[in-house]
Amino acid sequence: MEGFLVALVVSFGVIFVAELGDKSQLMALTFATRFKTVPVLIGITVATAVVHLASVAIGYGLGAALPTEWISLVAGVAFLGFGAWTLRGDTLTEEEKRKAEKTSKSAIVAVSVAFFLAELGDKTMLATITLATQYGWFGTWLGSTIGMVAADALAIVVGRMLGRRLPEKTIKYGAAVLFAICGLWLILEAVTQLT
C-alpha cells in the first residue's frame, strides 16, 4: 500500500505542476466558455484516463515511447482545423439551443477527442511514462489522471466565470486563436523533433 500511495502522491504533484500553463489548460478554458462544466470535466477525465493508461503501460511494461513527433504533427493540423471551424461558427435555432443545453453527449465527445489528441506526445504523457518506469502503474495512472483533471478544473472555473462576462463574438475569436496557438505549438514541437 505504501508504494501505491507514493506513486499516487508523486504522480499527482508532478502532473499537476506540469499541467499549469499547458495548452490543455487553455483548451479546458476554451471549452468551458462554450459548454457546461460537467460534460467538459467528464470529457477531460475520459481522455486523460485513456492517455495516461497507455502512458503507464508504455512506461511500466515496455519502457518505449510512441512516435510523438508524428502524433504532434497530426494533432497540430487537427487543432488548426478546430480553430477554423470555430471561426466559421454555427448558428442555432432556439430549439437547438435548448437541446444543446439539455444534452451533454456531443460536448463530452468533442472534449474527449480534442484532449486525447492534445495529450498524445505531450509533456504530461511523457512525464507519466517516466514516472511509471519508477513507480507502480496503478498509483501512477490514478495520480497522474487526478493531477491533470484537477489542474484543468481550475481552468474550467476561470472559463465559466469569463463565459458569463464576455460577449459571444469575443469568445468565438478567442477560442479560434487558442485552438490555432495549440495547433501551431504542436506542429512546431513535431517539426523540432523531426529535424
C-alpha atoms as a PDB file:
ATOM      1  CA  MET A   1       0.000   0.000   0.000  1.00  0.00           C
ATOM      2  CA  GLU A   2       2.895   2.350   0.724  1.00  0.00           C
ATOM      3  CA  GLY A   3       4.241   2.038  -2.831  1.00  0.00           C
ATOM      4  CA  PHE A   4       0.790   2.827  -4.209  1.00  0.00           C
ATOM      5  CA  LEU A   5       0.475   5.964  -2.076  1.00  0.00           C
ATOM      6  CA  VAL A   6       3.946   7.168  -3.038  1.00  0.00           C
ATOM      7  CA  ALA A   7       3.151   6.638  -6.739  1.00  0.00           C
ATOM      8  CA  LEU A   8      -0.211   8.398  -6.313  1.00  0.00           C
ATOM      9  CA  VAL A   9       1.179  11.444  -4.488  1.00  0.00           C
ATOM     10  CA  VAL A  10       4.309  11.858  -6.619  1.00  0.00           C
ATOM     11  CA  SER A  11       2.494  11.479  -9.928  1.00  0.00           C
ATOM     12  CA  PHE A  12      -0.332  13.792  -8.801  1.00  0.00           C
ATOM     13  CA  GLY A  13       2.149  16.504  -7.838  1.00  0.00           C
ATOM     14  CA  VAL A  14       4.341  16.199 -10.920  1.00  0.00           C
ATOM     15  CA  ILE A  15       1.460  16.160 -13.396  1.00  0.00           C
ATOM     16  CA  PHE A  16      -0.496  18.923 -11.632  1.00  0.00           C
ATOM     17  CA  VAL A  17       2.529  21.229 -11.809  1.00  0.00           C
ATOM     18  CA  ALA A  18       3.394  20.174 -15.380  1.00  0.00           C
ATOM     19  CA  GLU A  19      -0.166  20.937 -16.487  1.00  0.00           C
ATOM     20  CA  LEU A  20      -0.172  24.500 -15.105  1.00  0.00           C
ATOM     21  CA  GLY A  21       0.055  26.858 -18.064  1.00  0.00           C
ATOM     22  CA  ASP A  22      -0.038  23.953 -20.540  1.00  0.00           C
ATOM     23  CA  LYS A  23      -2.041  24.071 -23.762  1.00  0.00           C
ATOM     24  CA  SER A  24      -4.541  21.644 -22.226  1.00  0.00           C
ATOM     25  CA  GLN A  25      -5.498  24.254 -19.666  1.00  0.00           C
ATOM     26  CA  LEU A  26      -6.115  26.712 -22.492  1.00  0.00           C
ATOM     27  CA  MET A  27      -8.318  24.103 -24.134  1.00  0.00           C
ATOM     28  CA  ALA A  28     -10.204  23.476 -20.897  1.00  0.00           C
ATOM     29  CA  LEU A  29     -10.785  27.200 -20.533  1.00  0.00           C
ATOM     30  CA  THR A  30     -11.992  27.442 -24.116  1.00  0.00           C
ATOM     31  CA  PHE A  31     -14.372  24.515 -23.850  1.00  0.00           C
ATOM     32  CA  ALA A  32     -15.710  25.784 -20.529  1.00  0.00           C
ATOM     33  CA  THR A  33     -16.850  29.005 -22.173  1.00  0.00           C
ATOM     34  CA  ARG A  34     -18.885  27.037 -24.724  1.00  0.00           C
ATOM     35  CA  PHE A  35     -20.214  24.007 -22.821  1.00  0.00           C
ATOM     36  CA  LYS A  36     -21.498  23.169 -19.369  1.00  0.00           C
ATOM     37  CA  THR A  37     -18.883  22.377 -16.741  1.00  0.00           C
ATOM     38  CA  VAL A  38     -19.785  18.748 -16.026  1.00  0.00           C
ATOM     39  CA  PRO A  39     -19.587  17.485 -19.658  1.00  0.00           C
ATOM     40  CA  VAL A  40     -16.259  19.304 -20.130  1.00  0.00           C
ATOM     41  CA  LEU A  41     -14.881  17.754 -16.962  1.00  0.00           C
ATOM     42  CA  ILE A  42     -16.151  14.305 -17.980  1.00  0.00           C
ATOM     43  CA  GLY A  43     -14.541  14.662 -21.426  1.00  0.00           C
ATOM     44  CA  ILE A  44     -11.212  15.713 -19.897  1.00  0.00           C
ATOM     45  CA  THR A  45     -11.337  12.834 -17.431  1.00  0.00           C
ATOM     46  CA  VAL A  46     -12.114  10.216 -20.100  1.00  0.00           C
ATOM     47  CA  ALA A  47      -9.344  11.392 -22.442  1.00  0.00           C
ATOM     48  CA  THR A  48      -6.813  11.787 -19.632  1.00  0.00           C
ATOM     49  CA  ALA A  49      -7.587   8.370 -18.163  1.00  0.00           C
ATOM     50  CA  VAL A  50      -7.132   6.671 -21.553  1.00  0.00           C
ATOM     51  CA  VAL A  51      -3.930   8.521 -22.490  1.00  0.00           C
ATOM     52  CA  HIS A  52      -2.376   8.066 -19.071  1.00  0.00           C
ATOM     53  CA  LEU A  53      -3.310   4.382 -19.004  1.00  0.00           C
ATOM     54  CA  ALA A  54      -1.450   3.977 -22.289  1.00  0.00           C
ATOM     55  CA  SER A  55       1.412   6.012 -20.827  1.00  0.00           C
ATOM     56  CA  VAL A  56       1.827   3.805 -17.779  1.00  0.00           C
ATOM     57  CA  ALA A  57       1.575   0.701 -19.947  1.00  0.00           C
ATOM     58  CA  ILE A  58       4.385   2.014 -22.114  1.00  0.00           C
ATOM     59  CA  GLY A  59       6.492   3.204 -19.199  1.00  0.00           C
ATOM     60  CA  TYR A  60       5.892   0.239 -16.942  1.00  0.00           C
ATOM     61  CA  GLY A  61       5.577  -2.597 -19.422  1.00  0.00           C
ATOM     62  CA  LEU A  62       7.638  -1.715 -22.440  1.00  0.00           C
ATOM     63  CA  GLY A  63       9.875   1.190 -21.498  1.00  0.00           C
ATOM     64  CA  ALA A  64       9.428   2.513 -25.027  1.00  0.00           C
ATOM     65  CA  ALA A  65       7.845   5.676 -26.400  1.00  0.00           C
ATOM     66  CA  LEU A  66       5.334   6.409 -29.116  1.00  0.00           C
ATOM     67  CA  PRO A  67       6.486   8.280 -32.223  1.00  0.00           C
ATOM     68  CA  THR A  68       5.401  11.532 -30.596  1.00  0.00           C
ATOM     69  CA  GLU A  69       6.618  13.812 -33.371  1.00  0.00           C
ATOM     70  CA  TRP A  70       4.135  12.410 -35.915  1.00  0.00           C
ATOM     71  CA  ILE A  71       1.298  12.368 -33.389  1.00  0.00           C
ATOM     72  CA  SER A  72       2.041  16.007 -32.535  1.00  0.00           C
ATOM     73  CA  LEU A  73       2.027  16.933 -36.215  1.00  0.00           C
ATOM     74  CA  VAL A  74      -1.377  15.321 -36.844  1.00  0.00           C
ATOM     75  CA  ALA A  75      -2.822  16.817 -33.658  1.00  0.00           C
ATOM     76  CA  GLY A  76      -1.483  20.262 -34.608  1.00  0.00           C
ATOM     77  CA  VAL A  77      -3.172  20.162 -38.001  1.00  0.00           C
ATOM     78  CA  ALA A  78      -6.394  18.998 -36.315  1.00  0.00           C
ATOM     79  CA  PHE A  79      -6.244  21.942 -33.927  1.00  0.00           C
ATOM     80  CA  LEU A  80      -5.829  24.383 -36.786  1.00  0.00           C
ATOM     81  CA  GLY A  81      -8.956  22.788 -38.241  1.00  0.00           C
ATOM     82  CA  PHE A  82     -10.767  23.218 -34.892  1.00  0.00           C
ATOM     83  CA  GLY A  83      -9.762  26.894 -34.933  1.00  0.00           C
ATOM     84  CA  ALA A  84     -11.097  27.421 -38.453  1.00  0.00           C
ATOM     85  CA  TRP A  85     -14.282  25.574 -37.573  1.00  0.00           C
ATOM     86  CA  THR A  86     -14.734  27.808 -34.534  1.00  0.00           C
ATOM     87  CA  LEU A  87     -14.267  30.949 -36.666  1.00  0.00           C
ATOM     88  CA  ARG A  88     -16.763  29.729 -39.222  1.00  0.00           C
ATOM     89  CA  GLY A  89     -19.233  29.392 -36.428  1.00  0.00           C
ATOM     90  CA  ASP A  90     -22.587  27.736 -36.287  1.00  0.00           C
ATOM     91  CA  THR A  91     -25.965  29.268 -35.770  1.00  0.00           C
ATOM     92  CA  LEU A  92     -28.503  27.542 -33.609  1.00  0.00           C
ATOM     93  CA  THR A  93     -32.237  27.973 -33.555  1.00  0.00           C
ATOM     94  CA  GLU A  94     -33.843  28.488 -30.164  1.00  0.00           C
ATOM     95  CA  GLU A  95     -34.952  24.853 -30.129  1.00  0.00           C
ATOM     96  CA  GLU A  96     -31.400  23.667 -30.911  1.00  0.00           C
ATOM     97  CA  LYS A  97     -30.060  25.885 -28.119  1.00  0.00           C
ATOM     98  CA  ARG A  98     -32.456  24.286 -25.644  1.00  0.00           C
ATOM     99  CA  LYS A  99     -31.432  20.812 -26.810  1.00  0.00           C
ATOM    100  CA  ALA A 100     -27.740  21.708 -26.583  1.00  0.00           C
ATOM    101  CA  GLU A 101     -28.212  22.890 -23.025  1.00  0.00           C
ATOM    102  CA  LYS A 102     -30.007  19.675 -22.099  1.00  0.00           C
ATOM    103  CA  THR A 103     -27.744  17.182 -23.773  1.00  0.00           C
ATOM    104  CA  SER A 104     -24.101  16.788 -22.940  1.00  0.00           C
ATOM    105  CA  LYS A 105     -23.185  13.864 -25.200  1.00  0.00           C
ATOM    106  CA  SER A 106     -21.740  15.961 -28.026  1.00  0.00           C
ATOM    107  CA  ALA A 107     -19.747  18.130 -25.609  1.00  0.00           C
ATOM    108  CA  ILE A 108     -18.263  15.068 -23.921  1.00  0.00           C
ATOM    109  CA  VAL A 109     -17.253  13.566 -27.275  1.00  0.00           C
ATOM    110  CA  ALA A 110     -15.780  16.836 -28.585  1.00  0.00           C
ATOM    111  CA  VAL A 111     -13.780  17.468 -25.419  1.00  0.00           C
ATOM    112  CA  SER A 112     -12.636  13.834 -25.170  1.00  0.00           C
ATOM    113  CA  VAL A 113     -11.373  13.726 -28.769  1.00  0.00           C
ATOM    114  CA  ALA A 114      -9.654  17.104 -28.537  1.00  0.00           C
ATOM    115  CA  PHE A 115      -7.941  16.279 -25.257  1.00  0.00           C
ATOM    116  CA  PHE A 116      -6.970  12.817 -26.427  1.00  0.00           C
ATOM    117  CA  LEU A 117      -5.224  14.278 -29.479  1.00  0.00           C
ATOM    118  CA  ALA A 118      -3.619  17.067 -27.484  1.00  0.00           C
ATOM    119  CA  GLU A 119      -2.249  14.771 -24.822  1.00  0.00           C
ATOM    120  CA  LEU A 120      -0.649  12.226 -27.149  1.00  0.00           C
ATOM    121  CA  GLY A 121       3.044  13.036 -27.055  1.00  0.00           C
ATOM    122  CA  ASP A 122       2.515  15.924 -24.619  1.00  0.00           C
ATOM    123  CA  LYS A 123       4.880  16.578 -21.727  1.00  0.00           C
ATOM    124  CA  THR A 124       2.355  15.175 -19.244  1.00  0.00           C
ATOM    125  CA  MET A 125       2.200  11.920 -21.217  1.00  0.00           C
ATOM    126  CA  LEU A 126       5.980  11.711 -21.329  1.00  0.00           C
ATOM    127  CA  ALA A 127       6.170  12.566 -17.617  1.00  0.00           C
ATOM    128  CA  THR A 128       3.653   9.807 -16.862  1.00  0.00           C
ATOM    129  CA  ILE A 129       5.711   7.321 -18.896  1.00  0.00           C
ATOM    130  CA  THR A 130       8.793   8.324 -16.924  1.00  0.00           C
ATOM    131  CA  LEU A 131       7.015   8.083 -13.572  1.00  0.00           C
ATOM    132  CA  ALA A 132       5.643   4.645 -14.477  1.00  0.00           C
ATOM    133  CA  THR A 133       9.173   3.353 -15.003  1.00  0.00           C
ATOM    134  CA  GLN A 134       9.932   4.215 -11.364  1.00  0.00           C
ATOM    135  CA  TYR A 135       6.649   3.619  -9.533  1.00  0.00           C
ATOM    136  CA  GLY A 136       3.741   1.205  -9.678  1.00  0.00           C
ATOM    137  CA  TRP A 137       1.477   1.520 -12.693  1.00  0.00           C
ATOM    138  CA  PHE A 138      -1.873   1.878 -10.877  1.00  0.00           C
ATOM    139  CA  GLY A 139      -0.796   4.591  -8.447  1.00  0.00           C
ATOM    140  CA  THR A 140       0.962   6.454 -11.237  1.00  0.00           C
ATOM    141  CA  TRP A 141      -2.074   6.207 -13.524  1.00  0.00           C
ATOM    142  CA  LEU A 142      -4.525   7.312 -10.845  1.00  0.00           C
ATOM    143  CA  GLY A 143      -2.306  10.128  -9.544  1.00  0.00           C
ATOM    144  CA  SER A 144      -1.438  11.492 -12.978  1.00  0.00           C
ATOM    145  CA  THR A 145      -5.070  11.397 -14.085  1.00  0.00           C
ATOM    146  CA  ILE A 146      -6.334  13.143 -10.958  1.00  0.00           C
ATOM    147  CA  GLY A 147      -3.490  15.683 -11.115  1.00  0.00           C
ATOM    148  CA  MET A 148      -4.283  16.659 -14.675  1.00  0.00           C
ATOM    149  CA  VAL A 149      -8.044  16.819 -14.135  1.00  0.00           C
ATOM    150  CA  ALA A 150      -7.519  18.964 -11.011  1.00  0.00           C
ATOM    151  CA  ALA A 151      -5.277  21.414 -12.902  1.00  0.00           C
ATOM    152  CA  ASP A 152      -7.733  21.623 -15.789  1.00  0.00           C
ATOM    153  CA  ALA A 153     -10.643  22.053 -13.356  1.00  0.00           C
ATOM    154  CA  LEU A 154      -9.001  25.313 -12.281  1.00  0.00           C
ATOM    155  CA  ALA A 155      -9.136  26.468 -15.897  1.00  0.00           C
ATOM    156  CA  ILE A 156     -12.770  25.384 -16.137  1.00  0.00           C
ATOM    157  CA  VAL A 157     -13.715  27.509 -13.118  1.00  0.00           C
ATOM    158  CA  VAL A 158     -11.980  30.508 -14.690  1.00  0.00           C
ATOM    159  CA  GLY A 159     -13.610  29.747 -18.060  1.00  0.00           C
ATOM    160  CA  ARG A 160     -17.087  29.580 -16.562  1.00  0.00           C
ATOM    161  CA  MET A 161     -16.607  32.930 -14.835  1.00  0.00           C
ATOM    162  CA  LEU A 162     -15.304  34.556 -18.036  1.00  0.00           C
ATOM    163  CA  GLY A 163     -18.060  32.975 -20.124  1.00  0.00           C
ATOM    164  CA  ARG A 164     -20.688  34.873 -18.163  1.00  0.00           C
ATOM    165  CA  ARG A 165     -18.988  38.219 -18.728  1.00  0.00           C
ATOM    166  CA  LEU A 166     -17.626  38.067 -22.266  1.00  0.00           C
ATOM    167  CA  PRO A 167     -19.656  38.664 -25.439  1.00  0.00           C
ATOM    168  CA  GLU A 168     -20.168  35.646 -27.707  1.00  0.00           C
ATOM    169  CA  LYS A 169     -18.071  37.175 -30.511  1.00  0.00           C
ATOM    170  CA  THR A 170     -15.092  37.637 -28.169  1.00  0.00           C
ATOM    171  CA  ILE A 171     -15.407  34.036 -27.010  1.00  0.00           C
ATOM    172  CA  LYS A 172     -15.579  32.781 -30.607  1.00  0.00           C
ATOM    173  CA  TYR A 173     -12.468  34.674 -31.722  1.00  0.00           C
ATOM    174  CA  GLY A 174     -10.644  33.879 -28.510  1.00  0.00           C
ATOM    175  CA  ALA A 175     -11.403  30.173 -28.877  1.00  0.00           C
ATOM    176  CA  ALA A 176     -10.254  30.188 -32.503  1.00  0.00           C
ATOM    177  CA  VAL A 177      -6.999  31.899 -31.534  1.00  0.00           C
ATOM    178  CA  LEU A 178      -6.401  29.439 -28.686  1.00  0.00           C
ATOM    179  CA  PHE A 179      -7.004  26.464 -30.980  1.00  0.00           C
ATOM    180  CA  ALA A 180      -4.651  27.980 -33.572  1.00  0.00           C
ATOM    181  CA  ILE A 181      -1.969  28.586 -30.923  1.00  0.00           C
ATOM    182  CA  CYS A 182      -2.291  24.994 -29.707  1.00  0.00           C
ATOM    183  CA  GLY A 183      -2.129  23.724 -33.290  1.00  0.00           C
ATOM    184  CA  LEU A 184       0.931  25.791 -34.167  1.00  0.00           C
ATOM    185  CA  TRP A 185       2.568  24.800 -30.891  1.00  0.00           C
ATOM    186  CA  LEU A 186       2.062  21.099 -31.639  1.00  0.00           C
ATOM    187  CA  ILE A 187       3.307  21.486 -35.222  1.00  0.00           C
ATOM    188  CA  LEU A 188       6.390  23.385 -34.035  1.00  0.00           C
ATOM    189  CA  GLU A 189       7.122  20.656 -31.458  1.00  0.00           C
ATOM    190  CA  ALA A 190       6.741  17.998 -34.149  1.00  0.00           C
ATOM    191  CA  VAL A 191       8.971  19.777 -36.669  1.00  0.00           C
ATOM    192  CA  THR A 192      11.616  20.344 -33.987  1.00  0.00           C
ATOM    193  CA  GLN A 193      11.571  16.644 -33.084  1.00  0.00           C
ATOM    194  CA  LEU A 194      11.651  15.540 -36.739  1.00  0.00           C
ATOM    195  CA  THR A 195      14.709  17.648 -37.608  1.00  0.00           C
END
